């Protein structure tokens, strides 16, 4: 699955949630735009974040053999 397929899948689930929560008539285009905006935010959120501070320190590799 490539990123465009994943984006469509995220948008589909976001659209289902938006339509199910809204009991009144809705604007189709507004729901579609909202769904893809949410899908884009989900794609950004799943990208690896740069670590900072103490968590950015990597453990050193040693050549010591454990007995």
PDB file of N, CA and C in Angstrom:
ATOM      1  N   UNK A   1       0.857  -1.169   0.000  1.00  0.00           N
ATOM      2  CA  UNK A   1       0.000   0.000   0.000  1.00  0.00           C
ATOM      3  C   UNK A   1       0.904   1.234   0.000  1.00  0.00           C
ATOM      4  N   UNK A   2       0.707   2.098  -0.985  1.00  0.00           N
ATOM      5  CA  UNK A   2       1.517   3.316  -1.032  1.00  0.00           C
ATOM      6  C   UNK A   2       0.852   4.430  -0.221  1.00  0.00           C
ATOM      7  N   UNK A   3       1.523   5.574  -0.163  1.00  0.00           N
ATOM      8  CA  UNK A   3       1.027   6.656   0.684  1.00  0.00           C
ATOM      9  C   UNK A   3      -0.303   7.229   0.191  1.00  0.00           C
ATOM     10  N   UNK A   4      -0.531   7.247  -1.118  1.00  0.00           N
ATOM     11  CA  UNK A   4      -1.815   7.744  -1.636  1.00  0.00           C
ATOM     12  C   UNK A   4      -2.960   6.822  -1.248  1.00  0.00           C
ATOM     13  N   UNK A   5      -2.707   5.507  -1.302  1.00  0.00           N
ATOM     14  CA  UNK A   5      -3.741   4.560  -0.870  1.00  0.00           C
ATOM     15  C   UNK A   5      -4.046   4.725   0.617  1.00  0.00           C
ATOM     16  N   UNK A   6      -2.997   4.904   1.401  1.00  0.00           N
ATOM     17  CA  UNK A   6      -3.169   5.092   2.843  1.00  0.00           C
ATOM     18  C   UNK A   6      -3.929   6.388   3.124  1.00  0.00           C
ATOM     19  N   UNK A   7      -3.627   7.431   2.350  1.00  0.00           N
ATOM     20  CA  UNK A   7      -4.330   8.711   2.503  1.00  0.00           C
ATOM     21  C   UNK A   7      -5.818   8.535   2.219  1.00  0.00           C
ATOM     22  N   UNK A   8      -6.142   7.805   1.144  1.00  0.00           N
ATOM     23  CA  UNK A   8      -7.546   7.555   0.818  1.00  0.00           C
ATOM     24  C   UNK A   8      -8.236   6.749   1.911  1.00  0.00           C
ATOM     25  N   UNK A   9      -7.528   5.772   2.459  1.00  0.00           N
ATOM     26  CA  UNK A   9      -8.096   4.946   3.531  1.00  0.00           C
ATOM     27  C   UNK A   9      -8.367   5.796   4.778  1.00  0.00           C
ATOM     28  N   UNK A  10      -7.400   6.637   5.153  1.00  0.00           N
ATOM     29  CA  UNK A  10      -7.591   7.523   6.301  1.00  0.00           C
ATOM     30  C   UNK A  10      -8.770   8.465   6.053  1.00  0.00           C
ATOM     31  N   UNK A  11      -8.860   9.010   4.838  1.00  0.00           N
ATOM     32  CA  UNK A  11      -9.951   9.930   4.513  1.00  0.00           C
ATOM     33  C   UNK A  11     -11.298   9.221   4.579  1.00  0.00           C
ATOM     34  N   UNK A  12     -11.327   7.965   4.148  1.00  0.00           N
ATOM     35  CA  UNK A  12     -12.575   7.206   4.183  1.00  0.00           C
ATOM     36  C   UNK A  12     -13.078   7.055   5.621  1.00  0.00           C
ATOM     37  N   UNK A  13     -12.171   6.684   6.523  1.00  0.00           N
ATOM     38  CA  UNK A  13     -12.587   6.507   7.912  1.00  0.00           C
ATOM     39  C   UNK A  13     -12.955   7.841   8.561  1.00  0.00           C
ATOM     40  N   UNK A  14     -12.231   8.903   8.234  1.00  0.00           N
ATOM     41  CA  UNK A  14     -12.564  10.219   8.767  1.00  0.00           C
ATOM     42  C   UNK A  14     -13.934  10.671   8.263  1.00  0.00           C
ATOM     43  N   UNK A  15     -14.229  10.402   6.993  1.00  0.00           N
ATOM     44  CA  UNK A  15     -15.519  10.779   6.421  1.00  0.00           C
ATOM     45  C   UNK A  15     -16.651   9.990   7.077  1.00  0.00           C
ATOM     46  N   UNK A  16     -16.429   8.708   7.309  1.00  0.00           N
ATOM     47  CA  UNK A  16     -17.461   7.902   7.968  1.00  0.00           C
ATOM     48  C   UNK A  16     -17.774   8.461   9.354  1.00  0.00           C
ATOM     49  N   UNK A  17     -16.743   8.823  10.093  1.00  0.00           N
ATOM     50  CA  UNK A  17     -16.955   9.381  11.423  1.00  0.00           C
ATOM     51  C   UNK A  17     -17.677  10.711  11.372  1.00  0.00           C
ATOM     52  N   UNK A  18     -17.294  11.568  10.439  1.00  0.00           N
ATOM     53  CA  UNK A  18     -17.931  12.885  10.329  1.00  0.00           C
ATOM     54  C   UNK A  18     -19.395  12.757   9.944  1.00  0.00           C
ATOM     55  N   UNK A  19     -19.702  11.858   9.023  1.00  0.00           N
ATOM     56  CA  UNK A  19     -21.087  11.681   8.577  1.00  0.00           C
ATOM     57  C   UNK A  19     -21.935  11.055   9.685  1.00  0.00           C
ATOM     58  N   UNK A  20     -21.380  10.112  10.410  1.00  0.00           N
ATOM     59  CA  UNK A  20     -22.146   9.443  11.464  1.00  0.00           C
ATOM     60  C   UNK A  20     -22.416  10.368  12.649  1.00  0.00           C
ATOM     61  N   UNK A  21     -21.501  11.295  12.929  1.00  0.00           N
ATOM     62  CA  UNK A  21     -21.684  12.206  14.065  1.00  0.00           C
ATOM     63  C   UNK A  21     -22.693  13.308  13.762  1.00  0.00           C
ATOM     64  N   UNK A  22     -22.799  13.697  12.507  1.00  0.00           N
ATOM     65  CA  UNK A  22     -23.657  14.811  12.117  1.00  0.00           C
ATOM     66  C   UNK A  22     -25.059  14.298  11.796  1.00  0.00           C
ATOM     67  N   UNK A  23     -26.043  14.766  12.535  1.00  0.00           N
ATOM     68  CA  UNK A  23     -27.430  14.325  12.317  1.00  0.00           C
ATOM     69  C   UNK A  23     -28.175  15.205  11.323  1.00  0.00           C
ATOM     70  N   UNK A  24     -27.623  16.354  11.024  1.00  0.00           N
ATOM     71  CA  UNK A  24     -28.295  17.290  10.124  1.00  0.00           C
ATOM     72  C   UNK A  24     -27.722  17.155   8.720  1.00  0.00           C
ATOM     73  N   UNK A  25     -28.404  17.673   7.724  1.00  0.00           N
ATOM     74  CA  UNK A  25     -27.862  17.621   6.362  1.00  0.00           C
ATOM     75  C   UNK A  25     -26.490  18.291   6.307  1.00  0.00           C
ATOM     76  N   UNK A  26     -25.636  17.756   5.500  1.00  0.00           N
ATOM     77  CA  UNK A  26     -24.273  18.271   5.419  1.00  0.00           C
ATOM     78  C   UNK A  26     -23.910  18.560   3.972  1.00  0.00           C
ATOM     79  N   UNK A  27     -22.917  19.397   3.809  1.00  0.00           N
ATOM     80  CA  UNK A  27     -22.396  19.754   2.492  1.00  0.00           C
ATOM     81  C   UNK A  27     -21.373  18.691   2.080  1.00  0.00           C
ATOM     82  N   UNK A  28     -21.646  17.980   0.994  1.00  0.00           N
ATOM     83  CA  UNK A  28     -20.776  16.886   0.552  1.00  0.00           C
ATOM     84  C   UNK A  28     -19.326  17.334   0.354  1.00  0.00           C
ATOM     85  N   UNK A  29     -19.151  18.462  -0.307  1.00  0.00           N
ATOM     86  CA  UNK A  29     -17.801  18.941  -0.597  1.00  0.00           C
ATOM     87  C   UNK A  29     -17.068  19.326   0.683  1.00  0.00           C
ATOM     88  N   UNK A  30     -17.761  19.925   1.635  1.00  0.00           N
ATOM     89  CA  UNK A  30     -17.136  20.314   2.902  1.00  0.00           C
ATOM     90  C   UNK A  30     -16.688  19.070   3.682  1.00  0.00           C
ATOM     91  N   UNK A  31     -17.504  18.026   3.671  1.00  0.00           N
ATOM     92  CA  UNK A  31     -17.138  16.786   4.366  1.00  0.00           C
ATOM     93  C   UNK A  31     -15.938  16.139   3.686  1.00  0.00           C
ATOM     94  N   UNK A  32     -15.896  16.135   2.367  1.00  0.00           N
ATOM     95  CA  UNK A  32     -14.775  15.553   1.629  1.00  0.00           C
ATOM     96  C   UNK A  32     -13.478  16.310   1.924  1.00  0.00           C
ATOM     97  N   UNK A  33     -13.546  17.644   1.916  1.00  0.00           N
ATOM     98  CA  UNK A  33     -12.361  18.447   2.204  1.00  0.00           C
ATOM     99  C   UNK A  33     -11.880  18.221   3.633  1.00  0.00           C
ATOM    100  N   UNK A  34     -12.806  18.183   4.580  1.00  0.00           N
ATOM    101  CA  UNK A  34     -12.457  17.920   5.971  1.00  0.00           C
ATOM    102  C   UNK A  34     -11.805  16.551   6.104  1.00  0.00           C
ATOM    103  N   UNK A  35     -12.348  15.566   5.426  1.00  0.00           N
ATOM    104  CA  UNK A  35     -11.825  14.202   5.509  1.00  0.00           C
ATOM    105  C   UNK A  35     -10.394  14.129   5.006  1.00  0.00           C
ATOM    106  N   UNK A  36     -10.105  14.768   3.879  1.00  0.00           N
ATOM    107  CA  UNK A  36      -8.739  14.736   3.358  1.00  0.00           C
ATOM    108  C   UNK A  36      -7.788  15.588   4.194  1.00  0.00           C
ATOM    109  N   UNK A  37      -8.281  16.671   4.787  1.00  0.00           N
ATOM    110  CA  UNK A  37      -7.437  17.446   5.704  1.00  0.00           C
ATOM    111  C   UNK A  37      -7.051  16.599   6.913  1.00  0.00           C
ATOM    112  N   UNK A  38      -8.013  15.850   7.443  1.00  0.00           N
ATOM    113  CA  UNK A  38      -7.721  14.963   8.564  1.00  0.00           C
ATOM    114  C   UNK A  38      -6.775  13.840   8.145  1.00  0.00           C
ATOM    115  N   UNK A  39      -6.967  13.302   6.953  1.00  0.00           N
ATOM    116  CA  UNK A  39      -6.088  12.243   6.450  1.00  0.00           C
ATOM    117  C   UNK A  39      -4.658  12.751   6.305  1.00  0.00           C
ATOM    118  N   UNK A  40      -4.498  13.962   5.789  1.00  0.00           N
ATOM    119  CA  UNK A  40      -3.155  14.540   5.662  1.00  0.00           C
ATOM    120  C   UNK A  40      -2.511  14.722   7.033  1.00  0.00           C
ATOM    121  N   UNK A  41      -3.298  15.145   8.018  1.00  0.00           N
ATOM    122  CA  UNK A  41      -2.771  15.302   9.379  1.00  0.00           C
ATOM    123  C   UNK A  41      -2.356  13.950   9.956  1.00  0.00           C
ATOM    124  N   UNK A  42      -3.121  12.903   9.650  1.00  0.00           N
ATOM    125  CA  UNK A  42      -2.761  11.566  10.136  1.00  0.00           C
ATOM    126  C   UNK A  42      -1.456  11.086   9.509  1.00  0.00           C
ATOM    127  N   UNK A  43      -1.253  11.376   8.228  1.00  0.00           N
ATOM    128  CA  UNK A  43       0.000  10.988   7.578  1.00  0.00           C
ATOM    129  C   UNK A  43       1.192  11.714   8.190  1.00  0.00           C
ATOM    130  N   UNK A  44       1.020  12.981   8.513  1.00  0.00           N
ATOM    131  CA  UNK A  44       2.099  13.744   9.142  1.00  0.00           C
ATOM    132  C   UNK A  44       2.374  13.189  10.547  1.00  0.00           C
ATOM    133  N   UNK A  45       1.326  12.857  11.271  1.00  0.00           N
ATOM    134  CA  UNK A  45       1.482  12.374  12.642  1.00  0.00           C
ATOM    135  C   UNK A  45       2.199  11.031  12.714  1.00  0.00           C
ATOM    136  N   UNK A  46       2.106  10.218  11.672  1.00  0.00           N
ATOM    137  CA  UNK A  46       2.740   8.908  11.743  1.00  0.00           C
ATOM    138  C   UNK A  46       4.190   8.923  11.276  1.00  0.00           C
ATOM    139  N   UNK A  47       4.690  10.056  10.803  1.00  0.00           N
ATOM    140  CA  UNK A  47       6.103  10.160  10.426  1.00  0.00           C
ATOM    141  C   UNK A  47       6.963  10.129  11.686  1.00  0.00           C
ATOM    142  N   UNK A  48       8.144   9.512  11.587  1.00  0.00           N
ATOM    143  CA  UNK A  48       9.027   9.489  12.766  1.00  0.00           C
ATOM    144  C   UNK A  48       9.430  10.906  13.173  1.00  0.00           C
ATOM    145  N   UNK A  49       9.379  11.153  14.454  1.00  0.00           N
ATOM    146  CA  UNK A  49       9.742  12.472  14.978  1.00  0.00           C
ATOM    147  C   UNK A  49      11.199  12.450  15.420  1.00  0.00           C
ATOM    148  N   UNK A  50      11.875  13.583  15.257  1.00  0.00           N
ATOM    149  CA  UNK A  50      13.237  13.693  15.758  1.00  0.00           C
ATOM    150  C   UNK A  50      13.210  13.747  17.266  1.00  0.00           C
ATOM    151  N   UNK A  51      14.055  12.961  17.863  1.00  0.00           N
ATOM    152  CA  UNK A  51      14.120  12.966  19.318  1.00  0.00           C
ATOM    153  C   UNK A  51      15.042  14.090  19.772  1.00  0.00           C
ATOM    154  N   UNK A  52      14.738  14.641  20.928  1.00  0.00           N
ATOM    155  CA  UNK A  52      15.548  15.709  21.492  1.00  0.00           C
ATOM    156  C   UNK A  52      15.759  15.421  22.963  1.00  0.00           C
ATOM    157  N   UNK A  53      16.759  16.044  23.516  1.00  0.00           N
ATOM    158  CA  UNK A  53      17.020  15.875  24.940  1.00  0.00           C
ATOM    159  C   UNK A  53      17.656  14.532  25.256  1.00  0.00           C
ATOM    160  N   UNK A  54      17.370  14.013  26.435  1.00  0.00           N
ATOM    161  CA  UNK A  54      18.005  12.794  26.909  1.00  0.00           C
ATOM    162  C   UNK A  54      17.643  11.581  26.058  1.00  0.00           C
ATOM    163  N   UNK A  55      16.468  11.588  25.443  1.00  0.00           N
ATOM    164  CA  UNK A  55      16.068  10.441  24.624  1.00  0.00           C
ATOM    165  C   UNK A  55      16.831  10.363  23.309  1.00  0.00           C
ATOM    166  N   UNK A  56      17.488  11.453  22.913  1.00  0.00           N
ATOM    167  CA  UNK A  56      18.250  11.458  21.674  1.00  0.00           C
ATOM    168  C   UNK A  56      19.612  10.798  21.838  1.00  0.00           C
ATOM    169  N   UNK A  57      20.019  10.551  23.058  1.00  0.00           N
ATOM    170  CA  UNK A  57      21.323   9.937  23.305  1.00  0.00           C
ATOM    171  C   UNK A  57      21.235   8.453  22.985  1.00  0.00           C
ATOM    172  N   UNK A  58      22.118   7.998  22.128  1.00  0.00           N
ATOM    173  CA  UNK A  58      22.133   6.601  21.718  1.00  0.00           C
ATOM    174  C   UNK A  58      23.130   5.826  22.585  1.00  0.00           C
ATOM    175  N   UNK A  59      22.776   4.591  22.886  1.00  0.00           N
ATOM    176  CA  UNK A  59      23.651   3.729  23.660  1.00  0.00           C
ATOM    177  C   UNK A  59      24.863   3.369  22.811  1.00  0.00           C
ATOM    178  N   UNK A  60      26.048   3.406  23.428  1.00  0.00           N
ATOM    179  CA  UNK A  60      27.267   3.059  22.716  1.00  0.00           C
ATOM    180  C   UNK A  60      27.367   1.556  22.550  1.00  0.00           C
ATOM    181  N   UNK A  61      27.881   1.179  21.417  1.00  0.00           N
ATOM    182  CA  UNK A  61      28.135  -0.235  21.189  1.00  0.00           C
ATOM    183  C   UNK A  61      29.534  -0.541  21.703  1.00  0.00           C
ATOM    184  N   UNK A  62      29.641  -1.619  22.442  1.00  0.00           N
ATOM    185  CA  UNK A  62      30.946  -2.024  22.956  1.00  0.00           C
ATOM    186  C   UNK A  62      31.288  -3.406  22.416  1.00  0.00           C
ATOM    187  N   UNK A  63      32.564  -3.693  22.407  1.00  0.00           N
ATOM    188  CA  UNK A  63      33.021  -4.983  21.922  1.00  0.00           C
ATOM    189  C   UNK A  63      33.271  -5.955  23.060  1.00  0.00           C
ATOM    190  N   UNK A  64      32.851  -5.601  24.252  1.00  0.00           N
ATOM    191  CA  UNK A  64      33.062  -6.463  25.407  1.00  0.00           C
ATOM    192  C   UNK A  64      32.166  -7.685  25.308  1.00  0.00           C
ATOM    193  N   UNK A  65      32.741  -8.831  25.654  1.00  0.00           N
ATOM    194  CA  UNK A  65      31.964 -10.065  25.675  1.00  0.00           C
ATOM    195  C   UNK A  65      31.434 -10.281  27.073  1.00  0.00           C
ATOM    196  N   UNK A  66      30.175 -10.620  27.169  1.00  0.00           N
ATOM    197  CA  UNK A  66      29.576 -10.903  28.473  1.00  0.00           C
ATOM    198  C   UNK A  66      29.815 -12.365  28.822  1.00  0.00           C
ATOM    199  N   UNK A  67      30.166 -12.598  30.063  1.00  0.00           N
ATOM    200  CA  UNK A  67      30.434 -13.969  30.513  1.00  0.00           C
ATOM    201  C   UNK A  67      29.189 -14.590  31.088  1.00  0.00           C
TER     202      UNK A  67
END
